[in-house]
Amino acid sequence: MKAVYCTKYGSVDNLQFKEIEKPTLKENRLLIKMHAASVNALDLHLIIADIPLVRLMGGLFKPSDPKVGVDLAGVVEAVGSNVTKFKAGDEVFGRGSGSFAEYATAGETAVALKPASLSFAEAAATPIAAITALQALRDRAKVQPGQKVLIQGAGGGVGTFAVQLAKLFGAEVTAVCGANSIEIAHALGADHIVDYAAEDITASSVQFDSIIAINGYHSIHAYRHILSPAGVYVGVGGSKIMRSMLEMMMAGAPFAGNKKQKIANMMTTPTPADLLYLKDLLEAQKIKPIIDRIYPFSETIQAIKHMQNGHVHGKIVISMEQ
């Protein structure tokens, strides 16, 4: 089978298409014939190793596992001897290992049955981005009905899900995005939309109960000025994660005057329950994935470069279907 491999950190140009054997099926895993995968910022970080944690956990000098890709959607080809919830022929979506390939493997608890109403591309666009948005809003910010929520980066993969989920939770949503994402934010139900190139949201007179900063453009101290006295700031990953973590470590003094304000910089921790919760929302058409562009499998490297170049509207999907 063909698979995209990363054998050297530093650049997307180091990626290679390789002809390899199908993954060995372990007793607690599924072998999945891939129909679609999606590109996440996580994939890019693992490739270029711009965050020290990548090298500490995934290989100091080169990737210990050269397979690339996490989000997936496809058909179960075979199941391990300990798998009880799925069988060959099931259409599934979720997270796996090496999804930028013709076949990938996944743990039994990392996938769910694909909603029948969704295409494989739509299903693949959901897992990491939607779970990240869910955990930021529900678990970290603890958004309640009637609260004012600011979503910085509302036009991206996580942001488009965050706008929908925040509205579902009953919040008044202000979406900050680029001019070419305004129409999308409006269609997803944002109450107020700010073009970040035309207006500095941190100069606003409005205060927010929660700020979800996806690839936050401003410092934590700047966001603090528009955070309510008991508000919660949640930094979500992004290329500025190290700066954000350093700011958080030094935020004691600036935040000392108001002990009720909270700040957090989250990393996604996918759970089976969250995937099933999102599956139910997708089936009920309460949320939907937004797809920027679908690339054929042969153009996977170009798809990842598209993510690297930024200004993505929703998710970038890779299709293995002919």
Protein backbone atom coordinates (compact mmCIF):
# COMPACT_ATOMS: atom_id res chain seq x y z
CA MET A 1 0.00 0.00 0.00
CA LYS A 2 1.00 3.65 -0.34
CA ALA A 3 1.53 5.85 2.71
CA VAL A 4 2.94 9.28 3.51
CA TYR A 5 6.04 9.05 5.69
CA CYS A 6 7.95 11.60 7.73
CA THR A 7 11.49 10.39 8.40
CA LYS A 8 13.04 13.78 9.12
CA TYR A 9 11.86 16.81 11.08
CA GLY A 10 11.89 20.36 9.81
CA SER A 11 9.88 20.75 6.63
CA VAL A 12 6.82 19.45 4.85
CA ASP A 13 9.11 18.97 1.86
CA ASN A 14 10.73 16.09 3.77
CA LEU A 15 7.55 14.03 3.46
CA GLN A 16 7.66 11.04 1.14
CA PHE A 17 5.18 8.67 -0.47
CA LYS A 18 6.32 5.11 0.23
CA GLU A 19 5.15 1.67 -0.78
CA ILE A 20 4.88 -0.35 2.43
CA GLU A 21 3.14 -3.43 3.79
CA LYS A 22 -0.34 -3.13 5.25
CA PRO A 23 -0.24 -2.45 9.02
CA THR A 24 -0.08 -5.52 11.21
CA LEU A 25 -3.41 -6.02 12.94
CA LYS A 26 -3.14 -6.23 16.74
CA GLU A 27 -5.71 -7.93 18.94
CA ASN A 28 -7.35 -4.70 20.16
CA ARG A 29 -7.27 -2.68 16.93
CA LEU A 30 -9.10 -2.30 13.64
CA LEU A 31 -7.62 -2.31 10.14
CA ILE A 32 -9.40 0.39 8.14
CA LYS A 33 -9.47 0.87 4.39
CA MET A 34 -9.16 4.63 4.14
CA HIS A 35 -11.71 6.72 2.26
CA ALA A 36 -10.79 10.14 3.69
CA ALA A 37 -8.52 11.86 6.19
CA SER A 38 -8.22 15.47 7.28
CA VAL A 39 -5.27 17.70 8.04
CA ASN A 40 -4.85 19.21 11.50
CA ALA A 41 -2.40 21.69 12.93
CA LEU A 42 -1.34 18.72 15.08
CA ASP A 43 -0.06 16.93 11.97
CA LEU A 44 1.99 19.95 10.97
CA HIS A 45 3.54 20.27 14.45
CA LEU A 46 4.52 16.59 14.38
CA ILE A 47 6.17 17.05 10.98
CA ILE A 48 8.17 20.22 11.58
CA ALA A 49 8.71 19.71 15.34
CA ASP A 50 8.29 23.40 16.14
CA ILE A 51 7.19 22.51 19.68
CA PRO A 52 9.86 20.90 21.93
CA LEU A 53 7.29 18.46 23.32
CA VAL A 54 7.13 16.78 19.90
CA ARG A 55 10.77 15.72 20.09
CA LEU A 56 10.51 14.72 23.74
CA MET A 57 7.57 12.40 23.10
CA GLY A 58 7.99 11.40 19.47
CA GLY A 59 11.71 11.07 18.91
CA LEU A 60 14.53 13.48 19.72
CA PHE A 61 16.34 13.57 16.37
CA LYS A 62 13.79 12.03 14.02
CA PRO A 63 10.21 10.73 14.32
CA SER A 64 10.11 7.42 16.13
CA ASP A 65 6.95 6.63 14.14
CA PRO A 66 7.21 7.90 10.55
CA LYS A 67 3.50 7.43 9.79
CA VAL A 68 1.53 10.67 9.38
CA GLY A 69 -2.13 11.53 9.92
CA VAL A 70 -4.67 11.11 12.71
CA ASP A 71 -8.23 11.95 11.60
CA LEU A 72 -9.81 9.25 9.48
CA ALA A 73 -12.96 7.86 7.91
CA GLY A 74 -13.21 4.56 6.13
CA VAL A 75 -14.45 0.98 6.08
CA VAL A 76 -13.31 -1.69 8.54
CA GLU A 77 -11.26 -4.27 6.66
CA ALA A 78 -10.58 -6.57 9.62
CA VAL A 79 -10.73 -6.54 13.42
CA GLY A 80 -8.41 -7.89 16.10
CA SER A 81 -9.39 -10.86 18.25
CA ASN A 82 -10.35 -8.65 21.23
CA VAL A 83 -12.52 -6.21 19.27
CA THR A 84 -16.23 -6.62 20.04
CA LYS A 85 -17.94 -3.39 18.90
CA PHE A 86 -17.07 -3.44 15.20
CA LYS A 87 -16.92 -5.89 12.32
CA ALA A 88 -15.58 -5.96 8.79
CA GLY A 89 -17.65 -3.74 6.52
CA ASP A 90 -18.56 -1.15 9.16
CA GLU A 91 -18.18 2.48 8.09
CA VAL A 92 -16.31 4.32 10.84
CA PHE A 93 -14.70 7.66 11.66
CA GLY A 94 -12.43 8.88 14.41
CA ARG A 95 -8.73 8.82 15.18
CA GLY A 96 -6.09 6.38 14.08
CA SER A 97 -2.45 5.87 13.31
CA GLY A 98 -1.05 6.84 9.93
CA SER A 99 -4.28 7.97 8.28
CA PHE A 100 -2.48 9.54 5.29
CA ALA A 101 -2.34 6.10 3.69
CA GLU A 102 -4.46 3.57 1.86
CA TYR A 103 -4.90 1.61 5.10
CA ALA A 104 -4.64 2.69 8.74
CA THR A 105 -5.22 1.19 12.16
CA ALA A 106 -7.25 2.49 15.08
CA GLY A 107 -8.12 1.44 18.59
CA GLU A 108 -11.66 0.20 19.20
CA THR A 109 -12.45 3.14 21.50
CA ALA A 110 -10.99 5.76 19.13
CA VAL A 111 -13.63 5.36 16.42
CA ALA A 112 -17.40 5.32 16.07
CA LEU A 113 -19.85 4.31 13.38
CA LYS A 114 -20.00 7.00 10.72
CA PRO A 115 -23.31 8.90 10.62
CA ALA A 116 -25.12 7.68 7.53
CA SER A 117 -25.98 11.24 6.52
CA LEU A 118 -22.32 12.26 6.32
CA SER A 119 -19.93 11.62 3.48
CA PHE A 120 -16.57 10.09 4.32
CA ALA A 121 -14.97 13.50 3.70
CA GLU A 122 -17.33 15.22 6.16
CA ALA A 123 -16.78 12.52 8.77
CA ALA A 124 -13.00 12.75 8.44
CA ALA A 125 -13.17 16.52 8.92
CA THR A 126 -14.71 16.18 12.37
CA PRO A 127 -12.77 14.30 15.11
CA ILE A 128 -9.81 16.34 16.37
CA ALA A 129 -11.20 19.78 15.51
CA ALA A 130 -14.65 19.16 16.97
CA ILE A 131 -13.35 17.47 20.12
CA THR A 132 -10.91 20.35 20.67
CA ALA A 133 -13.71 22.91 20.35
CA LEU A 134 -15.96 20.88 22.65
CA GLN A 135 -13.37 20.52 25.39
CA ALA A 136 -12.38 24.19 25.21
CA LEU A 137 -15.97 25.41 25.59
CA ARG A 138 -17.51 22.79 27.85
CA ASP A 139 -14.63 21.59 30.02
CA ARG A 140 -12.29 24.59 30.26
CA ALA A 141 -14.54 27.62 29.79
CA LYS A 142 -17.64 25.89 31.17
CA VAL A 143 -19.85 28.02 28.93
CA GLN A 144 -23.38 28.65 30.20
CA PRO A 145 -26.51 29.94 28.44
CA GLY A 146 -26.57 33.72 28.07
CA GLN A 147 -22.83 34.18 28.46
CA LYS A 148 -20.81 36.27 26.04
CA VAL A 149 -18.19 34.14 24.27
CA LEU A 150 -15.41 35.43 22.01
CA ILE A 151 -13.93 32.97 19.51
CA GLN A 152 -10.67 34.14 17.98
CA GLY A 153 -9.89 32.18 14.81
CA ALA A 154 -13.55 31.41 14.13
CA GLY A 155 -12.99 30.60 10.46
CA GLY A 156 -10.65 27.64 10.91
CA GLY A 157 -11.26 23.97 11.60
CA VAL A 158 -11.60 24.27 15.38
CA GLY A 159 -13.19 27.72 15.15
CA THR A 160 -16.07 26.70 12.88
CA PHE A 161 -17.01 23.93 15.31
CA ALA A 162 -16.54 26.27 18.28
CA VAL A 163 -19.02 28.81 16.89
CA GLN A 164 -21.63 26.09 16.39
CA LEU A 165 -21.11 24.49 19.79
CA ALA A 166 -21.12 27.82 21.64
CA LYS A 167 -24.46 28.68 20.03
CA LEU A 168 -25.73 25.21 20.91
CA PHE A 169 -24.79 25.89 24.54
CA GLY A 170 -26.85 29.08 24.45
CA ALA A 171 -24.04 31.64 24.34
CA GLU A 172 -23.93 35.01 22.61
CA VAL A 173 -21.06 34.51 20.19
CA THR A 174 -18.60 37.03 18.80
CA ALA A 175 -16.56 35.50 15.99
CA VAL A 176 -13.18 36.99 15.07
CA CYS A 177 -11.97 35.91 11.63
CA GLY A 178 -10.62 37.10 8.30
CA ALA A 179 -12.77 38.96 5.80
CA ASN A 180 -13.15 35.89 3.61
CA SER A 181 -14.58 33.87 6.52
CA ILE A 182 -17.25 36.38 7.53
CA GLU A 183 -19.94 34.74 5.42
CA ILE A 184 -19.16 31.33 6.96
CA ALA A 185 -19.28 32.71 10.53
CA HIS A 186 -22.61 34.36 9.79
CA ALA A 187 -24.04 31.14 8.34
CA LEU A 188 -22.94 29.21 11.44
CA GLY A 189 -24.93 31.53 13.67
CA ALA A 190 -22.40 33.97 15.13
CA ASP A 191 -24.19 36.94 16.72
CA HIS A 192 -21.36 39.39 16.08
CA ILE A 193 -18.50 39.14 13.59
CA VAL A 194 -15.20 41.03 13.70
CA ASP A 195 -12.71 41.21 10.85
CA TYR A 196 -9.39 40.97 12.66
CA ALA A 197 -7.63 42.95 9.93
CA ALA A 198 -10.02 45.87 10.29
CA GLU A 199 -10.58 45.96 14.04
CA ASP A 200 -8.52 45.15 17.15
CA ILE A 201 -10.93 43.18 19.31
CA THR A 202 -8.82 43.77 22.43
CA ALA A 203 -9.65 47.50 22.15
CA SER A 204 -13.36 46.72 22.46
CA SER A 205 -15.46 48.12 25.30
CA VAL A 206 -17.34 44.82 25.51
CA GLN A 207 -16.26 42.25 28.09
CA PHE A 208 -16.58 38.52 27.54
CA ASP A 209 -17.31 35.71 29.97
CA SER A 210 -15.10 33.38 27.92
CA ILE A 211 -12.40 33.93 25.35
CA ILE A 212 -11.42 30.96 23.18
CA ALA A 213 -8.17 32.01 21.52
CA ILE A 214 -7.36 29.64 18.67
CA ASN A 215 -3.95 30.66 17.39
CA GLY A 216 -4.46 33.82 19.45
CA TYR A 217 -3.00 36.86 17.72
CA HIS A 218 -2.76 38.93 20.90
CA SER A 219 -0.99 38.42 24.22
CA ILE A 220 -2.87 37.09 27.22
CA HIS A 221 -2.45 40.50 28.84
CA ALA A 222 -4.22 42.16 25.88
CA TYR A 223 -7.10 39.70 26.04
CA ARG A 224 -7.40 40.29 29.79
CA HIS A 225 -8.75 43.79 29.17
CA ILE A 226 -11.86 42.38 27.49
CA LEU A 227 -12.27 39.47 29.91
CA SER A 228 -15.01 39.87 32.50
CA PRO A 229 -14.01 39.99 36.20
CA ALA A 230 -14.79 36.28 36.60
CA GLY A 231 -14.06 35.33 33.00
CA VAL A 232 -12.10 32.42 31.56
CA TYR A 233 -9.41 32.66 28.87
CA VAL A 234 -8.64 29.43 27.01
CA GLY A 235 -5.64 29.30 24.67
CA VAL A 236 -6.02 26.54 22.10
CA GLY A 237 -2.74 25.20 20.69
CA GLY A 238 -1.43 27.01 17.67
CA SER A 239 1.97 28.09 16.44
CA LYS A 240 2.28 30.53 19.34
CA ILE A 241 1.79 27.87 21.99
CA MET A 242 5.21 28.31 23.58
CA ARG A 243 4.77 32.08 23.84
CA SER A 244 1.35 31.55 25.34
CA MET A 245 2.70 29.09 27.92
CA LEU A 246 5.43 31.52 28.95
CA GLU A 247 2.88 34.30 29.28
CA MET A 248 0.74 32.08 31.46
CA MET A 249 3.69 31.26 33.72
CA MET A 250 4.28 34.98 34.20
CA ALA A 251 0.64 35.93 34.49
CA GLY A 252 0.52 35.77 38.28
CA ALA A 253 1.32 39.44 38.79
CA PRO A 254 -1.01 40.88 36.12
CA PHE A 255 -3.86 38.66 37.30
CA ALA A 256 -3.13 39.10 41.03
CA GLY A 257 -5.61 41.97 41.25
CA ASN A 258 -8.47 39.66 40.28
CA LYS A 259 -8.22 36.11 41.54
CA LYS A 260 -11.50 35.16 39.83
CA GLN A 261 -10.20 35.49 36.29
CA LYS A 262 -8.86 32.19 35.00
CA ILE A 263 -6.44 31.34 32.21
CA ALA A 264 -5.66 28.00 30.63
CA ASN A 265 -3.78 26.70 27.63
CA MET A 266 -5.28 23.39 26.62
CA MET A 267 -4.15 20.35 24.71
CA THR A 268 -6.85 18.09 23.34
CA THR A 269 -7.43 14.79 25.14
CA PRO A 270 -9.82 12.79 22.93
CA THR A 271 -12.24 10.47 24.70
CA PRO A 272 -14.70 7.85 23.38
CA ALA A 273 -17.57 9.68 25.11
CA ASP A 274 -16.79 12.96 23.35
CA LEU A 275 -16.67 11.31 19.92
CA LEU A 276 -20.04 9.64 20.53
CA TYR A 277 -21.50 12.92 21.80
CA LEU A 278 -20.40 14.67 18.62
CA LYS A 279 -21.68 11.78 16.50
CA ASP A 280 -25.13 12.34 18.00
CA LEU A 281 -24.97 16.07 17.22
CA LEU A 282 -23.92 15.34 13.65
CA GLU A 283 -26.75 12.86 13.17
CA ALA A 284 -29.23 15.39 14.56
CA GLN A 285 -27.75 18.03 12.20
CA LYS A 286 -27.05 20.32 15.15
CA ILE A 287 -23.46 20.79 13.98
CA LYS A 288 -21.77 20.26 10.64
CA PRO A 289 -18.17 20.18 9.39
CA ILE A 290 -17.04 22.99 7.10
CA ILE A 291 -14.65 21.87 4.37
CA ASP A 292 -12.27 24.31 2.72
CA ARG A 293 -11.02 21.95 0.03
CA ILE A 294 -10.73 18.25 -0.77
CA TYR A 295 -7.40 17.05 -2.18
CA PRO A 296 -6.82 13.68 -3.83
CA PHE A 297 -4.52 11.32 -1.92
CA SER A 298 -1.76 11.91 -4.47
CA GLU A 299 -1.70 15.59 -3.42
CA THR A 300 -1.44 15.00 0.33
CA ILE A 301 1.77 17.01 0.62
CA GLN A 302 0.13 19.98 -1.13
CA ALA A 303 -2.80 19.66 1.27
CA ILE A 304 -0.48 19.90 4.28
CA LYS A 305 1.24 22.92 2.75
CA HIS A 306 -2.17 24.53 2.34
CA MET A 307 -2.66 24.13 6.08
CA GLN A 308 0.82 25.53 6.74
CA ASN A 309 0.13 28.61 4.63
CA GLY A 310 -2.85 29.52 6.82
CA HIS A 311 -6.14 31.27 6.01
CA VAL A 312 -7.97 27.94 5.85
CA HIS A 313 -11.76 28.08 6.04
CA GLY A 314 -12.85 25.03 7.99
CA LYS A 315 -11.02 21.79 7.31
CA ILE A 316 -8.74 20.47 4.57
CA VAL A 317 -9.63 16.92 3.59
CA ILE A 318 -7.69 14.23 1.72
CA SER A 319 -9.75 11.76 -0.29
CA MET A 320 -8.55 8.23 -1.03
CA GLU A 321 -11.64 7.50 -3.09
CA GLN A 322 -11.15 7.22 -6.85
